[in-house]
Amino acid sequence: MPFYQEVLSGKTGYSFEEISEFLVRIYKEQFGGSHQVAIDRKQPPGTHESTLSRMQKDTTISPDLRSSG
């Protein structure tokens, strides 16, 4: 059964209100945000992952920041 049919049939385990909240959150995260968010979206895929990977290995960065990823 396609996902949209599962959602419409109520078989996902989520209420329609919860699903609605998820959709609003996804919409806001995809289309909202500051100027910096718009710049981040233009980054090629994988750029953020490689930066975070480098940061985790960088001993000059606070251990709290390195372990927060």
Protein backbone atom coordinates (compact mmCIF):
# COMPACT_ATOMS: atom_id res chain seq x y z
CA MET A 1 0.00 0.00 0.00
CA PRO A 2 1.48 3.41 -0.94
CA PHE A 3 2.38 5.67 1.99
CA TYR A 4 -0.30 8.25 1.23
CA GLN A 5 -2.96 5.52 1.39
CA GLU A 6 -1.59 4.34 4.74
CA VAL A 7 -1.80 7.90 6.04
CA LEU A 8 -5.34 8.39 4.76
CA SER A 9 -6.47 5.04 6.16
CA GLY A 10 -5.10 5.86 9.63
CA LYS A 11 -2.86 2.75 9.72
CA THR A 12 0.35 4.67 10.52
CA GLY A 13 -0.24 4.85 14.27
CA TYR A 14 -0.33 8.64 14.15
CA SER A 15 -3.44 10.76 14.52
CA PHE A 16 -4.42 13.14 11.73
CA GLU A 17 -3.50 16.02 14.04
CA GLU A 18 0.03 14.60 14.53
CA ILE A 19 0.44 14.07 10.79
CA SER A 20 -0.74 17.61 10.17
CA GLU A 21 1.83 18.94 12.66
CA PHE A 22 4.57 16.90 10.94
CA LEU A 23 3.63 18.32 7.56
CA VAL A 24 3.61 21.90 8.86
CA ARG A 25 7.02 21.35 10.47
CA ILE A 26 8.45 19.85 7.27
CA TYR A 27 7.05 22.73 5.22
CA LYS A 28 8.52 25.34 7.56
CA GLU A 29 11.90 23.61 7.62
CA GLN A 30 11.99 23.33 3.83
CA PHE A 31 10.78 26.82 2.95
CA GLY A 32 11.46 28.94 6.01
CA GLY A 33 14.61 30.13 7.60
CA SER A 34 17.07 32.95 7.54
CA HIS A 35 19.41 34.13 4.81
CA GLN A 36 22.03 31.70 6.15
CA VAL A 37 19.58 28.81 5.73
CA ALA A 38 19.08 29.80 2.09
CA ILE A 39 22.87 29.79 1.59
CA ASP A 40 23.12 26.37 3.27
CA ARG A 41 20.49 24.94 0.93
CA LYS A 42 22.60 25.96 -2.06
CA GLN A 43 25.57 23.93 -0.76
CA PRO A 44 26.24 20.74 -2.72
CA PRO A 45 25.03 17.56 -1.00
CA GLY A 46 27.66 16.11 1.29
CA THR A 47 29.31 19.43 2.13
CA HIS A 48 27.83 19.58 5.60
CA GLU A 49 28.68 15.96 6.35
CA SER A 50 32.32 16.42 5.38
CA THR A 51 32.56 19.59 7.47
CA LEU A 52 31.05 17.88 10.50
CA SER A 53 33.35 14.91 10.03
CA ARG A 54 36.40 17.21 9.97
CA MET A 55 35.16 19.03 13.07
CA GLN A 56 34.76 15.77 15.00
CA LYS A 57 38.43 14.98 14.39
CA ASP A 58 39.72 18.51 15.11
CA THR A 59 41.29 18.58 18.57
CA THR A 60 41.31 22.41 18.64
CA ILE A 61 37.50 22.40 18.86
CA SER A 62 35.79 22.00 22.22
CA PRO A 63 34.95 18.33 23.00
CA ASP A 64 31.34 19.43 23.68
CA LEU A 65 30.99 20.67 20.11
CA ARG A 66 32.74 17.65 18.62
CA SER A 67 30.38 15.21 20.34
CA SER A 68 27.16 17.10 19.59
CA GLY A 69 26.84 15.76 16.03
